[in-house]
Structure formats: structure tokens, C-alpha cells
PDB file of all heavy atoms in Angstrom:
ATOM      1  N   ALA A   1      86.696   0.741  80.652  1.00  0.00           N
ATOM      2  CA  ALA A   1      86.303   1.856  79.782  1.00  0.00           C
ATOM      3  C   ALA A   1      86.551   3.208  80.444  1.00  0.00           C
ATOM      4  O   ALA A   1      86.661   3.318  81.660  1.00  0.00           O
ATOM      5  CB  ALA A   1      84.825   1.734  79.439  1.00  0.00           C
ATOM      6  N   ILE A   2      86.593   4.222  79.583  1.00  0.00           N
ATOM      7  CA  ILE A   2      86.604   5.618  80.028  1.00  0.00           C
ATOM      8  C   ILE A   2      85.281   6.200  79.567  1.00  0.00           C
ATOM      9  O   ILE A   2      84.886   6.037  78.412  1.00  0.00           O
ATOM     10  CB  ILE A   2      87.765   6.418  79.397  1.00  0.00           C
ATOM     11  CG1 ILE A   2      89.111   5.812  79.780  1.00  0.00           C
ATOM     12  CG2 ILE A   2      87.692   7.882  79.817  1.00  0.00           C
ATOM     13  CD1 ILE A   2      90.275   6.418  79.009  1.00  0.00           C
ATOM     14  N   ARG A   3      84.589   6.865  80.474  1.00  0.00           N
ATOM     15  CA  ARG A   3      83.296   7.464  80.136  1.00  0.00           C
ATOM     16  C   ARG A   3      83.349   8.960  80.391  1.00  0.00           C
ATOM     17  O   ARG A   3      83.801   9.407  81.447  1.00  0.00           O
ATOM     18  CB  ARG A   3      82.180   6.833  80.976  1.00  0.00           C
ATOM     19  CG  ARG A   3      81.920   5.396  80.610  1.00  0.00           C
ATOM     20  CD  ARG A   3      80.849   4.764  81.533  1.00  0.00           C
ATOM     21  NE  ARG A   3      80.790   3.331  81.317  1.00  0.00           N
ATOM     22  CZ  ARG A   3      81.640   2.447  81.846  1.00  0.00           C
ATOM     23  NH1 ARG A   3      82.599   2.856  82.634  1.00  0.00           N
ATOM     24  NH2 ARG A   3      81.529   1.164  81.582  1.00  0.00           N
ATOM     25  N   TYR A   4      82.868   9.709  79.415  1.00  0.00           N
ATOM     26  CA  TYR A   4      82.721  11.151  79.531  1.00  0.00           C
ATOM     27  C   TYR A   4      81.224  11.411  79.524  1.00  0.00           C
ATOM     28  O   TYR A   4      80.539  11.096  78.545  1.00  0.00           O
ATOM     29  CB  TYR A   4      83.402  11.872  78.368  1.00  0.00           C
ATOM     30  CG  TYR A   4      84.900  11.638  78.324  1.00  0.00           C
ATOM     31  CD1 TYR A   4      85.447  10.614  77.560  1.00  0.00           C
ATOM     32  CD2 TYR A   4      85.762  12.456  79.052  1.00  0.00           C
ATOM     33  CE1 TYR A   4      86.822  10.416  77.517  1.00  0.00           C
ATOM     34  CE2 TYR A   4      87.130  12.257  79.012  1.00  0.00           C
ATOM     35  CZ  TYR A   4      87.651  11.235  78.246  1.00  0.00           C
ATOM     36  OH  TYR A   4      89.008  11.041  78.206  1.00  0.00           O
ATOM     37  N   LEU A   5      80.717  11.949  80.621  1.00  0.00           N
ATOM     38  CA  LEU A   5      79.272  12.118  80.773  1.00  0.00           C
ATOM     39  C   LEU A   5      78.920  13.580  81.002  1.00  0.00           C
ATOM     40  O   LEU A   5      79.582  14.279  81.764  1.00  0.00           O
ATOM     41  CB  LEU A   5      78.772  11.279  81.954  1.00  0.00           C
ATOM     42  CG  LEU A   5      79.126   9.783  81.907  1.00  0.00           C
ATOM     43  CD1 LEU A   5      78.796   9.115  83.240  1.00  0.00           C
ATOM     44  CD2 LEU A   5      78.406   9.104  80.761  1.00  0.00           C
ATOM     45  N   GLY A   6      77.846  14.017  80.342  1.00  0.00           N
ATOM     46  CA  GLY A   6      77.348  15.376  80.515  1.00  0.00           C
ATOM     47  C   GLY A   6      75.852  15.409  80.254  1.00  0.00           C
ATOM     48  O   GLY A   6      75.250  14.395  79.882  1.00  0.00           O
ATOM     49  N   ASP A   7      75.263  16.552  80.416  1.00  0.00           N
ATOM     50  CA  ASP A   7      73.831  16.708  80.191  1.00  0.00           C
ATOM     51  C   ASP A   7      73.532  16.541  78.697  1.00  0.00           C
ATOM     52  O   ASP A   7      73.903  17.382  77.879  1.00  0.00           O
ATOM     53  CB  ASP A   7      73.382  18.088  80.688  1.00  0.00           C
ATOM     54  CG  ASP A   7      71.879  18.232  80.685  1.00  0.00           C
ATOM     55  OD1 ASP A   7      71.161  17.207  80.717  1.00  0.00           O
ATOM     56  OD2 ASP A   7      71.414  19.391  80.643  1.00  0.00           O
ATOM     57  N   GLY A   8      72.909  15.440  78.325  1.00  0.00           N
ATOM     58  CA  GLY A   8      72.576  15.156  76.929  1.00  0.00           C
ATOM     59  C   GLY A   8      73.735  14.594  76.133  1.00  0.00           C
ATOM     60  O   GLY A   8      73.683  14.556  74.896  1.00  0.00           O
ATOM     61  N   PHE A   9      74.789  14.134  76.788  1.00  0.00           N
ATOM     62  CA  PHE A   9      75.970  13.626  76.092  1.00  0.00           C
ATOM     63  C   PHE A   9      76.600  12.503  76.899  1.00  0.00           C
ATOM     64  O   PHE A   9      76.746  12.597  78.116  1.00  0.00           O
ATOM     65  CB  PHE A   9      76.996  14.748  75.912  1.00  0.00           C
ATOM     66  CG  PHE A   9      78.285  14.312  75.266  1.00  0.00           C
ATOM     67  CD1 PHE A   9      78.408  14.261  73.894  1.00  0.00           C
ATOM     68  CD2 PHE A   9      79.387  13.960  76.039  1.00  0.00           C
ATOM     69  CE1 PHE A   9      79.592  13.858  73.292  1.00  0.00           C
ATOM     70  CE2 PHE A   9      80.575  13.569  75.453  1.00  0.00           C
ATOM     71  CZ  PHE A   9      80.684  13.514  74.069  1.00  0.00           C
ATOM     72  N   ALA A  10      76.984  11.425  76.211  1.00  0.00           N
ATOM     73  CA  ALA A  10      77.758  10.341  76.824  1.00  0.00           C
ATOM     74  C   ALA A  10      78.714   9.795  75.773  1.00  0.00           C
ATOM     75  O   ALA A  10      78.331   9.563  74.625  1.00  0.00           O
ATOM     76  CB  ALA A  10      76.841   9.231  77.322  1.00  0.00           C
ATOM     77  N   MET A  11      79.966   9.643  76.149  1.00  0.00           N
ATOM     78  CA  MET A  11      80.952   9.037  75.257  1.00  0.00           C
ATOM     79  C   MET A  11      81.680   7.960  76.041  1.00  0.00           C
ATOM     80  O   MET A  11      82.153   8.193  77.151  1.00  0.00           O
ATOM     81  CB  MET A  11      81.957  10.075  74.744  1.00  0.00           C
ATOM     82  CG  MET A  11      82.984   9.472  73.788  1.00  0.00           C
ATOM     83  SD  MET A  11      84.014  10.692  72.925  1.00  0.00           S
ATOM     84  CE  MET A  11      85.182  11.123  74.197  1.00  0.00           C
ATOM     85  N   THR A  12      81.749   6.760  75.444  1.00  0.00           N
ATOM     86  CA  THR A  12      82.430   5.641  76.064  1.00  0.00           C
ATOM     87  C   THR A  12      83.550   5.186  75.149  1.00  0.00           C
ATOM     88  O   THR A  12      83.327   4.933  73.959  1.00  0.00           O
ATOM     89  CB  THR A  12      81.455   4.467  76.313  1.00  0.00           C
ATOM     90  OG1 THR A  12      80.379   4.934  77.121  1.00  0.00           O
ATOM     91  CG2 THR A  12      82.147   3.314  77.001  1.00  0.00           C
ATOM     92  N   ALA A  13      84.743   5.057  75.704  1.00  0.00           N
ATOM     93  CA  ALA A  13      85.907   4.574  74.963  1.00  0.00           C
ATOM     94  C   ALA A  13      86.376   3.290  75.620  1.00  0.00           C
ATOM     95  O   ALA A  13      86.640   3.269  76.821  1.00  0.00           O
ATOM     96  CB  ALA A  13      87.024   5.614  74.970  1.00  0.00           C
ATOM     97  N   THR A  14      86.443   2.211  74.834  1.00  0.00           N
ATOM     98  CA  THR A  14      86.928   0.932  75.343  1.00  0.00           C
ATOM     99  C   THR A  14      88.208   0.569  74.602  1.00  0.00           C
ATOM    100  O   THR A  14      88.343   0.823  73.405  1.00  0.00           O
ATOM    101  CB  THR A  14      85.878  -0.178  75.160  1.00  0.00           C
ATOM    102  OG1 THR A  14      85.500  -0.247  73.789  1.00  0.00           O
ATOM    103  CG2 THR A  14      84.660   0.087  76.029  1.00  0.00           C
ATOM    104  N   GLN A  15      89.131  -0.028  75.328  1.00  0.00           N
ATOM    105  CA  GLN A  15      90.422  -0.367  74.745  1.00  0.00           C
ATOM    106  C   GLN A  15      90.268  -1.472  73.720  1.00  0.00           C
ATOM    107  O   GLN A  15      89.525  -2.427  73.906  1.00  0.00           O
ATOM    108  CB  GLN A  15      91.395  -0.791  75.840  1.00  0.00           C
ATOM    109  CG  GLN A  15      92.797  -0.987  75.333  1.00  0.00           C
ATOM    110  CD  GLN A  15      93.768  -1.317  76.454  1.00  0.00           C
ATOM    111  OE1 GLN A  15      93.384  -1.515  77.590  1.00  0.00           O
ATOM    112  NE2 GLN A  15      95.038  -1.376  76.109  1.00  0.00           N
ATOM    113  N   GLY A  16      90.968  -1.341  72.642  1.00  0.00           N
ATOM    114  CA  GLY A  16      90.978  -2.350  71.591  1.00  0.00           C
ATOM    115  C   GLY A  16      91.256  -1.703  70.268  1.00  0.00           C
ATOM    116  O   GLY A  16      90.920  -0.536  70.069  1.00  0.00           O
ATOM    117  N   PRO A  17      91.888  -2.388  69.349  1.00  0.00           N
ATOM    118  CA  PRO A  17      92.213  -1.762  68.075  1.00  0.00           C
ATOM    119  C   PRO A  17      90.946  -1.357  67.329  1.00  0.00           C
ATOM    120  O   PRO A  17      89.929  -2.042  67.397  1.00  0.00           O
ATOM    121  CB  PRO A  17      92.986  -2.843  67.320  1.00  0.00           C
ATOM    122  CG  PRO A  17      92.648  -4.115  67.983  1.00  0.00           C
ATOM    123  CD  PRO A  17      92.275  -3.793  69.392  1.00  0.00           C
ATOM    124  N   CYS A  18      91.042  -0.229  66.639  1.00  0.00           N
ATOM    125  CA  CYS A  18      89.885   0.302  65.927  1.00  0.00           C
ATOM    126  C   CYS A  18      90.350   0.906  64.607  1.00  0.00           C
ATOM    127  O   CYS A  18      91.324   1.648  64.564  1.00  0.00           O
ATOM    128  CB  CYS A  18      89.195   1.367  66.773  1.00  0.00           C
ATOM    129  SG  CYS A  18      87.734   2.086  66.002  1.00  0.00           S
ATOM    130  N   SER A  19      89.642   0.588  63.533  1.00  0.00           N
ATOM    131  CA  SER A  19      89.891   1.180  62.219  1.00  0.00           C
ATOM    132  C   SER A  19      88.644   1.934  61.801  1.00  0.00           C
ATOM    133  O   SER A  19      87.524   1.447  61.985  1.00  0.00           O
ATOM    134  CB  SER A  19      90.205   0.089  61.191  1.00  0.00           C
ATOM    135  OG  SER A  19      90.253   0.646  59.895  1.00  0.00           O
ATOM    136  N   ASP A  20      88.840   3.118  61.213  1.00  0.00           N
ATOM    137  CA  ASP A  20      87.688   3.912  60.790  1.00  0.00           C
ATOM    138  C   ASP A  20      87.069   3.394  59.492  1.00  0.00           C
ATOM    139  O   ASP A  20      86.035   3.875  59.056  1.00  0.00           O
ATOM    140  CB  ASP A  20      88.039   5.389  60.665  1.00  0.00           C
ATOM    141  CG  ASP A  20      89.105   5.650  59.614  1.00  0.00           C
ATOM    142  OD1 ASP A  20      89.314   4.816  58.713  1.00  0.00           O
ATOM    143  OD2 ASP A  20      89.738   6.713  59.684  1.00  0.00           O
ATOM    144  N   GLY A  21      87.685   2.397  58.853  1.00  0.00           N
ATOM    145  CA  GLY A  21      87.136   1.818  57.638  1.00  0.00           C
ATOM    146  C   GLY A  21      87.504   2.573  56.380  1.00  0.00           C
ATOM    147  O   GLY A  21      87.251   2.100  55.281  1.00  0.00           O
ATOM    148  N   MET A  22      88.105   3.758  56.503  1.00  0.00           N
ATOM    149  CA  MET A  22      88.456   4.546  55.325  1.00  0.00           C
ATOM    150  C   MET A  22      89.966   4.705  55.150  1.00  0.00           C
ATOM    151  O   MET A  22      90.408   5.176  54.113  1.00  0.00           O
ATOM    152  CB  MET A  22      87.810   5.927  55.400  1.00  0.00           C
ATOM    153  CG  MET A  22      86.306   5.869  55.343  1.00  0.00           C
ATOM    154  SD  MET A  22      85.570   7.478  55.159  1.00  0.00           S
ATOM    155  CE  MET A  22      85.941   7.816  53.444  1.00  0.00           C
ATOM    156  N   SER A  23      90.740   4.341  56.138  1.00  0.00           N
ATOM    157  CA  SER A  23      92.197   4.463  56.041  1.00  0.00           C
ATOM    158  C   SER A  23      92.821   3.220  56.659  1.00  0.00           C
ATOM    159  O   SER A  23      92.137   2.377  57.226  1.00  0.00           O
ATOM    160  CB  SER A  23      92.684   5.713  56.789  1.00  0.00           C
ATOM    161  OG  SER A  23      92.532   5.552  58.174  1.00  0.00           O
ATOM    162  N   ASP A  24      94.117   3.133  56.528  1.00  0.00           N
ATOM    163  CA  ASP A  24      94.836   1.998  57.116  1.00  0.00           C
ATOM    164  C   ASP A  24      95.251   2.274  58.551  1.00  0.00           C
ATOM    165  O   ASP A  24      95.923   1.455  59.162  1.00  0.00           O
ATOM    166  CB  ASP A  24      96.082   1.677  56.286  1.00  0.00           C
ATOM    167  CG  ASP A  24      95.727   1.156  54.907  1.00  0.00           C
ATOM    168  OD1 ASP A  24      94.650   0.542  54.769  1.00  0.00           O
ATOM    169  OD2 ASP A  24      96.525   1.368  53.969  1.00  0.00           O
ATOM    170  N   THR A  25      94.859   3.414  59.082  1.00  0.00           N
ATOM    171  CA  THR A  25      95.263   3.800  60.433  1.00  0.00           C
ATOM    172  C   THR A  25      94.462   3.025  61.475  1.00  0.00           C
ATOM    173  O   THR A  25      93.258   2.852  61.352  1.00  0.00           O
ATOM    174  CB  THR A  25      95.056   5.312  60.636  1.00  0.00           C
ATOM    175  OG1 THR A  25      95.786   6.002  59.631  1.00  0.00           O
ATOM    176  CG2 THR A  25      95.554   5.751  61.999  1.00  0.00           C
ATOM    177  N   ILE A  26      95.170   2.586  62.497  1.00  0.00           N
ATOM    178  CA  ILE A  26      94.532   1.872  63.614  1.00  0.00           C
ATOM    179  C   ILE A  26      94.668   2.742  64.854  1.00  0.00           C
ATOM    180  O   ILE A  26      95.746   3.260  65.147  1.00  0.00           O
ATOM    181  CB  ILE A  26      95.217   0.503  63.868  1.00  0.00           C
ATOM    182  CG1 ILE A  26      95.191  -0.362  62.598  1.00  0.00           C
ATOM    183  CG2 ILE A  26      94.568  -0.222  65.048  1.00  0.00           C
ATOM    184  CD1 ILE A  26      93.806  -0.756  62.137  1.00  0.00           C
TER     185      ILE A  26
END
């Protein structure tokens, strides 16, 4: 994973296909 960490914020991105559920974009 890639993690972006800050005061009051954390974002984790893990590899793998992902669809937003509203479009055909992966």
C-alpha cells in the first residue's frame, strides 16, 4: 500500500482494480 498521513487525515491506496460504481471506468 501507499499511505498518506497527516494531522487528522489518513489515506491508504492498495493496488487492485477499482470501479466507482457509476461508470465503466476502472
